[in-house]
Amino acid sequence: MSGVVDLAKRTGKSNVGIVCTKSDDIRAEEAKRDWPGPTAQRIRELDAVIAATRRSLDDIKAELETYAGDDDDDLLEEERQHIVDLNRQSTKEQ
């Protein structure tokens, strides 16, 4: 935005309007570079949590896929319960 202000000064404009679009969209990579100190550190921490959660969900999805072709009648009770637990964990992770 300072580039816009500098351009306005160089061209002698005294009345400049700025419209911010997508100003509520925050990109983690940009914010880590642009925001100093504790804020950048907190973004890194949250980014790590997001990555870990995605890995966990991928693992759950892969494990659920191992049961995908099985008929419910062919599953042991503990396998059925494991599927229920995986689905519950998946919902909790999201």
PDB file of N, CA and C in Angstrom:
ATOM      1  N   MET A   1       0.824  -1.180   0.000  1.00  0.00           N
ATOM      2  CA  MET A   1       0.000   0.000   0.000  1.00  0.00           C
ATOM      3  C   MET A   1       0.871   1.246   0.000  1.00  0.00           C
ATOM      4  N   SER A   2       2.058   1.181   0.582  1.00  0.00           N
ATOM      5  CA  SER A   2       2.906   2.369   0.593  1.00  0.00           C
ATOM      6  C   SER A   2       3.308   2.755  -0.826  1.00  0.00           C
ATOM      7  N   GLY A   3       3.354   1.774  -1.741  1.00  0.00           N
ATOM      8  CA  GLY A   3       3.647   2.072  -3.137  1.00  0.00           C
ATOM      9  C   GLY A   3       2.591   2.962  -3.757  1.00  0.00           C
ATOM     10  N   VAL A   4       1.344   2.765  -3.377  1.00  0.00           N
ATOM     11  CA  VAL A   4       0.247   3.584  -3.890  1.00  0.00           C
ATOM     12  C   VAL A   4       0.386   5.008  -3.363  1.00  0.00           C
ATOM     13  N   VAL A   5       0.708   5.144  -2.095  1.00  0.00           N
ATOM     14  CA  VAL A   5       0.868   6.465  -1.495  1.00  0.00           C
ATOM     15  C   VAL A   5       2.051   7.193  -2.132  1.00  0.00           C
ATOM     16  N   ASP A   6       3.159   6.471  -2.325  1.00  0.00           N
ATOM     17  CA  ASP A   6       4.332   7.077  -2.966  1.00  0.00           C
ATOM     18  C   ASP A   6       4.018   7.533  -4.382  1.00  0.00           C
ATOM     19  N   LEU A   7       3.301   6.714  -5.132  1.00  0.00           N
ATOM     20  CA  LEU A   7       2.917   7.080  -6.501  1.00  0.00           C
ATOM     21  C   LEU A   7       2.037   8.323  -6.493  1.00  0.00           C
ATOM     22  N   ALA A   8       1.099   8.396  -5.559  1.00  0.00           N
ATOM     23  CA  ALA A   8       0.217   9.565  -5.469  1.00  0.00           C
ATOM     24  C   ALA A   8       1.022  10.827  -5.176  1.00  0.00           C
ATOM     25  N   LYS A   9       2.006  10.720  -4.298  1.00  0.00           N
ATOM     26  CA  LYS A   9       2.843  11.885  -3.986  1.00  0.00           C
ATOM     27  C   LYS A   9       3.644  12.326  -5.205  1.00  0.00           C
ATOM     28  N   ARG A  10       4.217  11.356  -5.925  1.00  0.00           N
ATOM     29  CA  ARG A  10       5.029  11.694  -7.095  1.00  0.00           C
ATOM     30  C   ARG A  10       4.212  12.352  -8.198  1.00  0.00           C
ATOM     31  N   THR A  11       2.962  11.967  -8.312  1.00  0.00           N
ATOM     32  CA  THR A  11       2.115  12.538  -9.370  1.00  0.00           C
ATOM     33  C   THR A  11       1.343  13.763  -8.888  1.00  0.00           C
ATOM     34  N   GLY A  12       1.526  14.134  -7.637  1.00  0.00           N
ATOM     35  CA  GLY A  12       0.889  15.334  -7.117  1.00  0.00           C
ATOM     36  C   GLY A  12      -0.574  15.154  -6.759  1.00  0.00           C
ATOM     37  N   LYS A  13      -1.008  13.958  -6.594  1.00  0.00           N
ATOM     38  CA  LYS A  13      -2.401  13.704  -6.204  1.00  0.00           C
ATOM     39  C   LYS A  13      -2.555  13.882  -4.699  1.00  0.00           C
ATOM     40  N   SER A  14      -3.580  14.594  -4.308  1.00  0.00           N
ATOM     41  CA  SER A  14      -3.791  14.810  -2.880  1.00  0.00           C
ATOM     42  C   SER A  14      -4.977  14.015  -2.342  1.00  0.00           C
ATOM     43  N   ASN A  15      -5.789  13.507  -3.236  1.00  0.00           N
ATOM     44  CA  ASN A  15      -6.973  12.764  -2.811  1.00  0.00           C
ATOM     45  C   ASN A  15      -6.931  11.393  -3.486  1.00  0.00           C
ATOM     46  N   VAL A  16      -6.560  10.384  -2.736  1.00  0.00           N
ATOM     47  CA  VAL A  16      -6.419   9.037  -3.275  1.00  0.00           C
ATOM     48  C   VAL A  16      -7.287   8.093  -2.456  1.00  0.00           C
ATOM     49  N   GLY A  17      -8.092   7.309  -3.152  1.00  0.00           N
ATOM     50  CA  GLY A  17      -8.908   6.301  -2.480  1.00  0.00           C
ATOM     51  C   GLY A  17      -8.303   4.930  -2.690  1.00  0.00           C
ATOM     52  N   ILE A  18      -8.356   4.110  -1.681  1.00  0.00           N
ATOM     53  CA  ILE A  18      -7.819   2.755  -1.762  1.00  0.00           C
ATOM     54  C   ILE A  18      -8.943   1.793  -1.406  1.00  0.00           C
ATOM     55  N   VAL A  19      -9.160   0.833  -2.270  1.00  0.00           N
ATOM     56  CA  VAL A  19     -10.163  -0.188  -2.030  1.00  0.00           C
ATOM     57  C   VAL A  19      -9.418  -1.493  -1.729  1.00  0.00           C
ATOM     58  N   CYS A  20      -9.687  -2.048  -0.579  1.00  0.00           N
ATOM     59  CA  CYS A  20      -9.041  -3.302  -0.188  1.00  0.00           C
ATOM     60  C   CYS A  20      -9.970  -4.459  -0.502  1.00  0.00           C
ATOM     61  N   THR A  21      -9.511  -5.334  -1.366  1.00  0.00           N
ATOM     62  CA  THR A  21     -10.286  -6.532  -1.670  1.00  0.00           C
ATOM     63  C   THR A  21      -9.585  -7.722  -1.047  1.00  0.00           C
ATOM     64  N   LYS A  22     -10.373  -8.631  -0.552  1.00  0.00           N
ATOM     65  CA  LYS A  22      -9.856  -9.823   0.121  1.00  0.00           C
ATOM     66  C   LYS A  22      -8.941  -9.454   1.285  1.00  0.00           C
ATOM     67  N   SER A  23      -9.195  -8.313   1.893  1.00  0.00           N
ATOM     68  CA  SER A  23      -8.361  -7.883   3.020  1.00  0.00           C
ATOM     69  C   SER A  23      -8.566  -8.773   4.242  1.00  0.00           C
ATOM     70  N   ASP A  24      -9.639  -9.580   4.237  1.00  0.00           N
ATOM     71  CA  ASP A  24      -9.866 -10.479   5.355  1.00  0.00           C
ATOM     72  C   ASP A  24      -9.220 -11.843   5.125  1.00  0.00           C
ATOM     73  N   ASP A  25      -8.647 -12.070   3.935  1.00  0.00           N
ATOM     74  CA  ASP A  25      -7.936 -13.310   3.649  1.00  0.00           C
ATOM     75  C   ASP A  25      -6.492 -13.168   4.118  1.00  0.00           C
ATOM     76  N   ILE A  26      -6.101 -14.026   5.014  1.00  0.00           N
ATOM     77  CA  ILE A  26      -4.734 -13.992   5.512  1.00  0.00           C
ATOM     78  C   ILE A  26      -4.039 -15.263   5.050  1.00  0.00           C
ATOM     79  N   ARG A  27      -2.948 -15.092   4.352  1.00  0.00           N
ATOM     80  CA  ARG A  27      -2.149 -16.223   3.902  1.00  0.00           C
ATOM     81  C   ARG A  27      -1.014 -16.416   4.901  1.00  0.00           C
ATOM     82  N   ALA A  28      -0.927 -17.605   5.437  1.00  0.00           N
ATOM     83  CA  ALA A  28       0.035 -17.877   6.507  1.00  0.00           C
ATOM     84  C   ALA A  28       1.466 -17.557   6.074  1.00  0.00           C
ATOM     85  N   GLU A  29       1.840 -17.956   4.873  1.00  0.00           N
ATOM     86  CA  GLU A  29       3.211 -17.715   4.428  1.00  0.00           C
ATOM     87  C   GLU A  29       3.533 -16.223   4.360  1.00  0.00           C
ATOM     88  N   GLU A  30       2.597 -15.446   3.853  1.00  0.00           N
ATOM     89  CA  GLU A  30       2.798 -13.996   3.788  1.00  0.00           C
ATOM     90  C   GLU A  30       2.839 -13.390   5.190  1.00  0.00           C
ATOM     91  N   ALA A  31       1.944 -13.820   6.033  1.00  0.00           N
ATOM     92  CA  ALA A  31       1.864 -13.259   7.385  1.00  0.00           C
ATOM     93  C   ALA A  31       3.136 -13.557   8.179  1.00  0.00           C
ATOM     94  N   LYS A  32       3.708 -14.754   8.000  1.00  0.00           N
ATOM     95  CA  LYS A  32       4.944 -15.080   8.720  1.00  0.00           C
ATOM     96  C   LYS A  32       6.077 -14.145   8.309  1.00  0.00           C
ATOM     97  N   ARG A  33       6.078 -13.756   7.041  1.00  0.00           N
ATOM     98  CA  ARG A  33       7.118 -12.836   6.561  1.00  0.00           C
ATOM     99  C   ARG A  33       6.839 -11.395   6.979  1.00  0.00           C
ATOM    100  N   ASP A  34       5.565 -11.006   6.920  1.00  0.00           N
ATOM    101  CA  ASP A  34       5.204  -9.594   7.085  1.00  0.00           C
ATOM    102  C   ASP A  34       4.971  -9.162   8.522  1.00  0.00           C
ATOM    103  N   TRP A  35       4.546 -10.072   9.383  1.00  0.00           N
ATOM    104  CA  TRP A  35       4.228  -9.706  10.761  1.00  0.00           C
ATOM    105  C   TRP A  35       5.385 -10.117  11.662  1.00  0.00           C
ATOM    106  N   PRO A  36       5.882  -9.204  12.435  1.00  0.00           N
ATOM    107  CA  PRO A  36       7.070  -9.496  13.232  1.00  0.00           C
ATOM    108  C   PRO A  36       6.781 -10.232  14.539  1.00  0.00           C
ATOM    109  N   GLY A  37       7.847 -10.748  15.118  1.00  0.00           N
ATOM    110  CA  GLY A  37       7.869 -11.248  16.482  1.00  0.00           C
ATOM    111  C   GLY A  37       6.895 -12.339  16.845  1.00  0.00           C
ATOM    112  N   PRO A  38       6.217 -12.150  17.982  1.00  0.00           N
ATOM    113  CA  PRO A  38       5.343 -13.190  18.532  1.00  0.00           C
ATOM    114  C   PRO A  38       4.215 -13.597  17.588  1.00  0.00           C
ATOM    115  N   THR A  39       3.725 -12.665  16.790  1.00  0.00           N
ATOM    116  CA  THR A  39       2.636 -13.002  15.871  1.00  0.00           C
ATOM    117  C   THR A  39       3.113 -14.008  14.834  1.00  0.00           C
ATOM    118  N   ALA A  40       4.290 -13.774  14.269  1.00  0.00           N
ATOM    119  CA  ALA A  40       4.851 -14.706  13.284  1.00  0.00           C
ATOM    120  C   ALA A  40       5.094 -16.068  13.920  1.00  0.00           C
ATOM    121  N   GLN A  41       5.579 -16.082  15.149  1.00  0.00           N
ATOM    122  CA  GLN A  41       5.824 -17.341  15.853  1.00  0.00           C
ATOM    123  C   GLN A  41       4.516 -18.098  16.083  1.00  0.00           C
ATOM    124  N   ARG A  42       3.479 -17.389  16.470  1.00  0.00           N
ATOM    125  CA  ARG A  42       2.177 -18.024  16.704  1.00  0.00           C
ATOM    126  C   ARG A  42       1.620 -18.603  15.405  1.00  0.00           C
ATOM    127  N   ILE A  43       1.814 -17.888  14.302  1.00  0.00           N
ATOM    128  CA  ILE A  43       1.359 -18.388  13.000  1.00  0.00           C
ATOM    129  C   ILE A  43       2.113 -19.668  12.654  1.00  0.00           C
ATOM    130  N   ARG A  44       3.430 -19.704  12.926  1.00  0.00           N
ATOM    131  CA  ARG A  44       4.205 -20.921  12.666  1.00  0.00           C
ATOM    132  C   ARG A  44       3.675 -22.097  13.497  1.00  0.00           C
ATOM    133  N   GLU A  45       3.372 -21.818  14.762  1.00  0.00           N
ATOM    134  CA  GLU A  45       2.833 -22.868  15.642  1.00  0.00           C
ATOM    135  C   GLU A  45       1.499 -23.401  15.122  1.00  0.00           C
ATOM    136  N   LEU A  46       0.617 -22.486  14.746  1.00  0.00           N
ATOM    137  CA  LEU A  46      -0.695 -22.898  14.236  1.00  0.00           C
ATOM    138  C   LEU A  46      -0.559 -23.637  12.908  1.00  0.00           C
ATOM    139  N   ASP A  47       0.371 -23.197  12.080  1.00  0.00           N
ATOM    140  CA  ASP A  47       0.641 -23.872  10.813  1.00  0.00           C
ATOM    141  C   ASP A  47       1.079 -25.317  11.057  1.00  0.00           C
ATOM    142  N   ALA A  48       1.911 -25.525  12.079  1.00  0.00           N
ATOM    143  CA  ALA A  48       2.372 -26.871  12.425  1.00  0.00           C
ATOM    144  C   ALA A  48       1.213 -27.737  12.916  1.00  0.00           C
ATOM    145  N   VAL A  49       0.318 -27.153  13.692  1.00  0.00           N
ATOM    146  CA  VAL A  49      -0.862 -27.890  14.169  1.00  0.00           C
ATOM    147  C   VAL A  49      -1.746 -28.296  12.985  1.00  0.00           C
ATOM    148  N   ILE A  50      -1.932 -27.382  12.055  1.00  0.00           N
ATOM    149  CA  ILE A  50      -2.740 -27.686  10.860  1.00  0.00           C
ATOM    150  C   ILE A  50      -2.113 -28.829  10.080  1.00  0.00           C
ATOM    151  N   ALA A  51      -0.799 -28.786   9.877  1.00  0.00           N
ATOM    152  CA  ALA A  51      -0.111 -29.839   9.130  1.00  0.00           C
ATOM    153  C   ALA A  51      -0.249 -31.192   9.839  1.00  0.00           C
ATOM    154  N   ALA A  52      -0.089 -31.199  11.158  1.00  0.00           N
ATOM    155  CA  ALA A  52      -0.220 -32.447  11.923  1.00  0.00           C
ATOM    156  C   ALA A  52      -1.640 -32.993  11.846  1.00  0.00           C
ATOM    157  N   THR A  53      -2.622 -32.112  11.905  1.00  0.00           N
ATOM    158  CA  THR A  53      -4.021 -32.534  11.817  1.00  0.00           C
ATOM    159  C   THR A  53      -4.317 -33.121  10.442  1.00  0.00           C
ATOM    160  N   ARG A  54      -3.790 -32.493   9.399  1.00  0.00           N
ATOM    161  CA  ARG A  54      -3.982 -33.033   8.040  1.00  0.00           C
ATOM    162  C   ARG A  54      -3.365 -34.419   7.910  1.00  0.00           C
ATOM    163  N   ARG A  55      -2.159 -34.595   8.471  1.00  0.00           N
ATOM    164  CA  ARG A  55      -1.521 -35.919   8.418  1.00  0.00           C
ATOM    165  C   ARG A  55      -2.363 -36.946   9.168  1.00  0.00           C
ATOM    166  N   SER A  56      -2.873 -36.555  10.325  1.00  0.00           N
ATOM    167  CA  SER A  56      -3.709 -37.451  11.115  1.00  0.00           C
ATOM    168  C   SER A  56      -4.973 -37.849  10.354  1.00  0.00           C
ATOM    169  N   LEU A  57      -5.622 -36.872   9.720  1.00  0.00           N
ATOM    170  CA  LEU A  57      -6.822 -37.167   8.929  1.00  0.00           C
ATOM    171  C   LEU A  57      -6.505 -38.067   7.746  1.00  0.00           C
ATOM    172  N   ASP A  58      -5.355 -37.843   7.111  1.00  0.00           N
ATOM    173  CA  ASP A  58      -4.946 -38.711   6.002  1.00  0.00           C
ATOM    174  C   ASP A  58      -4.737 -40.141   6.479  1.00  0.00           C
ATOM    175  N   ASP A  59      -4.125 -40.296   7.661  1.00  0.00           N
ATOM    176  CA  ASP A  59      -3.913 -41.632   8.226  1.00  0.00           C
ATOM    177  C   ASP A  59      -5.242 -42.316   8.530  1.00  0.00           C
ATOM    178  N   ILE A  60      -6.166 -41.570   9.113  1.00  0.00           N
ATOM    179  CA  ILE A  60      -7.488 -42.123   9.432  1.00  0.00           C
ATOM    180  C   ILE A  60      -8.203 -42.536   8.152  1.00  0.00           C
ATOM    181  N   LYS A  61      -8.160 -41.680   7.140  1.00  0.00           N
ATOM    182  CA  LYS A  61      -8.807 -41.975   5.864  1.00  0.00           C
ATOM    183  C   LYS A  61      -8.212 -43.242   5.243  1.00  0.00           C
ATOM    184  N   ALA A  62      -6.900 -43.363   5.276  1.00  0.00           N
ATOM    185  CA  ALA A  62      -6.243 -44.552   4.716  1.00  0.00           C
ATOM    186  C   ALA A  62      -6.664 -45.810   5.469  1.00  0.00           C
ATOM    187  N   GLU A  63      -6.747 -45.706   6.789  1.00  0.00           N
ATOM    188  CA  GLU A  63      -7.155 -46.862   7.581  1.00  0.00           C
ATOM    189  C   GLU A  63      -8.617 -47.229   7.312  1.00  0.00           C
ATOM    190  N   LEU A  64      -9.478 -46.229   7.179  1.00  0.00           N
ATOM    191  CA  LEU A  64     -10.884 -46.506   6.863  1.00  0.00           C
ATOM    192  C   LEU A  64     -11.024 -47.159   5.488  1.00  0.00           C
ATOM    193  N   GLU A  65     -10.160 -46.771   4.558  1.00  0.00           N
ATOM    194  CA  GLU A  65     -10.221 -47.354   3.213  1.00  0.00           C
ATOM    195  C   GLU A  65      -9.896 -48.840   3.213  1.00  0.00           C
ATOM    196  N   THR A  66      -9.167 -49.312   4.225  1.00  0.00           N
ATOM    197  CA  THR A  66      -8.869 -50.746   4.293  1.00  0.00           C
ATOM    198  C   THR A  66     -10.136 -51.560   4.548  1.00  0.00           C
ATOM    199  N   TYR A  67     -11.149 -50.907   5.105  1.00  0.00           N
ATOM    200  CA  TYR A  67     -12.418 -51.584   5.367  1.00  0.00           C
ATOM    201  C   TYR A  67     -13.455 -51.330   4.280  1.00  0.00           C
ATOM    202  N   ALA A  68     -13.146 -50.506   3.306  1.00  0.00           N
ATOM    203  CA  ALA A  68     -14.134 -50.028   2.332  1.00  0.00           C
ATOM    204  C   ALA A  68     -14.832 -51.149   1.574  1.00  0.00           C
ATOM    205  N   GLY A  69     -14.121 -52.171   1.191  1.00  0.00           N
ATOM    206  CA  GLY A  69     -14.740 -53.228   0.401  1.00  0.00           C
ATOM    207  C   GLY A  69     -15.389 -54.325   1.221  1.00  0.00           C
ATOM    208  N   ASP A  70     -15.245 -54.257   2.528  1.00  0.00           N
ATOM    209  CA  ASP A  70     -15.767 -55.313   3.398  1.00  0.00           C
ATOM    210  C   ASP A  70     -17.258 -55.147   3.629  1.00  0.00           C
ATOM    211  N   ASP A  71     -17.966 -56.251   3.573  1.00  0.00           N
ATOM    212  CA  ASP A  71     -19.385 -56.263   3.925  1.00  0.00           C
ATOM    213  C   ASP A  71     -19.478 -56.210   5.446  1.00  0.00           C
ATOM    214  N   ASP A  72     -20.396 -55.419   5.955  1.00  0.00           N
ATOM    215  CA  ASP A  72     -20.537 -55.245   7.395  1.00  0.00           C
ATOM    216  C   ASP A  72     -20.724 -56.584   8.111  1.00  0.00           C
ATOM    217  N   ASP A  73     -21.385 -57.528   7.456  1.00  0.00           N
ATOM    218  CA  ASP A  73     -21.611 -58.833   8.081  1.00  0.00           C
ATOM    219  C   ASP A  73     -20.326 -59.635   8.229  1.00  0.00           C
ATOM    220  N   ASP A  74     -19.307 -59.310   7.417  1.00  0.00           N
ATOM    221  CA  ASP A  74     -18.043 -60.046   7.462  1.00  0.00           C
ATOM    222  C   ASP A  74     -17.073 -59.506   8.517  1.00  0.00           C
ATOM    223  N   LEU A  75     -17.416 -58.393   9.106  1.00  0.00           N
ATOM    224  CA  LEU A  75     -16.519 -57.770  10.068  1.00  0.00           C
ATOM    225  C   LEU A  75     -16.752 -58.307  11.475  1.00  0.00           C
ATOM    226  N   LEU A  76     -15.678 -58.420  12.217  1.00  0.00           N
ATOM    227  CA  LEU A  76     -15.792 -58.760  13.632  1.00  0.00           C
ATOM    228  C   LEU A  76     -16.336 -57.547  14.379  1.00  0.00           C
ATOM    229  N   GLU A  77     -16.901 -57.790  15.531  1.00  0.00           N
ATOM    230  CA  GLU A  77     -17.456 -56.692  16.328  1.00  0.00           C
ATOM    231  C   GLU A  77     -16.380 -55.656  16.661  1.00  0.00           C
ATOM    232  N   GLU A  78     -15.184 -56.115  16.988  1.00  0.00           N
ATOM    233  CA  GLU A  78     -14.129 -55.141  17.322  1.00  0.00           C
ATOM    234  C   GLU A  78     -13.689 -54.347  16.082  1.00  0.00           C
ATOM    235  N   GLU A  79     -13.802 -54.928  14.889  1.00  0.00           N
ATOM    236  CA  GLU A  79     -13.507 -54.171  13.672  1.00  0.00           C
ATOM    237  C   GLU A  79     -14.577 -53.107  13.432  1.00  0.00           C
ATOM    238  N   ARG A  80     -15.829 -53.469  13.642  1.00  0.00           N
ATOM    239  CA  ARG A  80     -16.917 -52.490  13.521  1.00  0.00           C
ATOM    240  C   ARG A  80     -16.714 -51.328  14.498  1.00  0.00           C
ATOM    241  N   GLN A  81     -16.361 -51.672  15.728  1.00  0.00           N
ATOM    242  CA  GLN A  81     -16.131 -50.645  16.739  1.00  0.00           C
ATOM    243  C   GLN A  81     -14.937 -49.769  16.359  1.00  0.00           C
ATOM    244  N   HIS A  82     -13.915 -50.401  15.777  1.00  0.00           N
ATOM    245  CA  HIS A  82     -12.742 -49.639  15.337  1.00  0.00           C
ATOM    246  C   HIS A  82     -13.131 -48.638  14.249  1.00  0.00           C
ATOM    247  N   ILE A  83     -13.994 -49.041  13.338  1.00  0.00           N
ATOM    248  CA  ILE A  83     -14.479 -48.143  12.287  1.00  0.00           C
ATOM    249  C   ILE A  83     -15.243 -46.968  12.902  1.00  0.00           C
ATOM    250  N   VAL A  84     -16.098 -47.272  13.859  1.00  0.00           N
ATOM    251  CA  VAL A  84     -16.847 -46.220  14.554  1.00  0.00           C
ATOM    252  C   VAL A  84     -15.881 -45.256  15.241  1.00  0.00           C
ATOM    253  N   ASP A  85     -14.871 -45.808  15.896  1.00  0.00           N
ATOM    254  CA  ASP A  85     -13.875 -44.965  16.587  1.00  0.00           C
ATOM    255  C   ASP A  85     -13.103 -44.095  15.606  1.00  0.00           C
ATOM    256  N   LEU A  86     -12.734 -44.668  14.461  1.00  0.00           N
ATOM    257  CA  LEU A  86     -12.010 -43.899  13.447  1.00  0.00           C
ATOM    258  C   LEU A  86     -12.872 -42.756  12.914  1.00  0.00           C
ATOM    259  N   ASN A  87     -14.134 -43.037  12.646  1.00  0.00           N
ATOM    260  CA  ASN A  87     -15.043 -41.986  12.170  1.00  0.00           C
ATOM    261  C   ASN A  87     -15.224 -40.902  13.219  1.00  0.00           C
ATOM    262  N   ARG A  88     -15.339 -41.286  14.458  1.00  0.00           N
ATOM    263  CA  ARG A  88     -15.479 -40.321  15.554  1.00  0.00           C
ATOM    264  C   ARG A  88     -14.202 -39.461  15.659  1.00  0.00           C
ATOM    265  N   GLN A  89     -13.054 -40.106  15.571  1.00  0.00           N
ATOM    266  CA  GLN A  89     -11.795 -39.380  15.641  1.00  0.00           C
ATOM    267  C   GLN A  89     -11.649 -38.430  14.453  1.00  0.00           C
ATOM    268  N   SER A  90     -12.068 -38.893  13.285  1.00  0.00           N
ATOM    269  CA  SER A  90     -12.005 -38.049  12.085  1.00  0.00           C
ATOM    270  C   SER A  90     -12.861 -36.802  12.253  1.00  0.00           C
ATOM    271  N   THR A  91     -14.051 -36.981  12.789  1.00  0.00           N
ATOM    272  CA  THR A  91     -14.956 -35.847  13.013  1.00  0.00           C
ATOM    273  C   THR A  91     -14.355 -34.875  14.035  1.00  0.00           C
ATOM    274  N   LYS A  92     -13.730 -35.433  15.057  1.00  0.00           N
ATOM    275  CA  LYS A  92     -13.118 -34.613  16.096  1.00  0.00           C
ATOM    276  C   LYS A  92     -11.936 -33.821  15.544  1.00  0.00           C
ATOM    277  N   GLU A  93     -11.153 -34.431  14.654  1.00  0.00           N
ATOM    278  CA  GLU A  93      -9.973 -33.780  14.077  1.00  0.00           C
ATOM    279  C   GLU A  93     -10.379 -32.619  13.164  1.00  0.00           C
ATOM    280  N   GLN A  94     -11.530 -32.738  12.541  1.00  0.00           N
ATOM    281  CA  GLN A  94     -11.950 -31.706  11.605  1.00  0.00           C
ATOM    282  C   GLN A  94     -12.429 -30.517  12.377  1.00  0.00           C
TER     283      GLN A  94
END
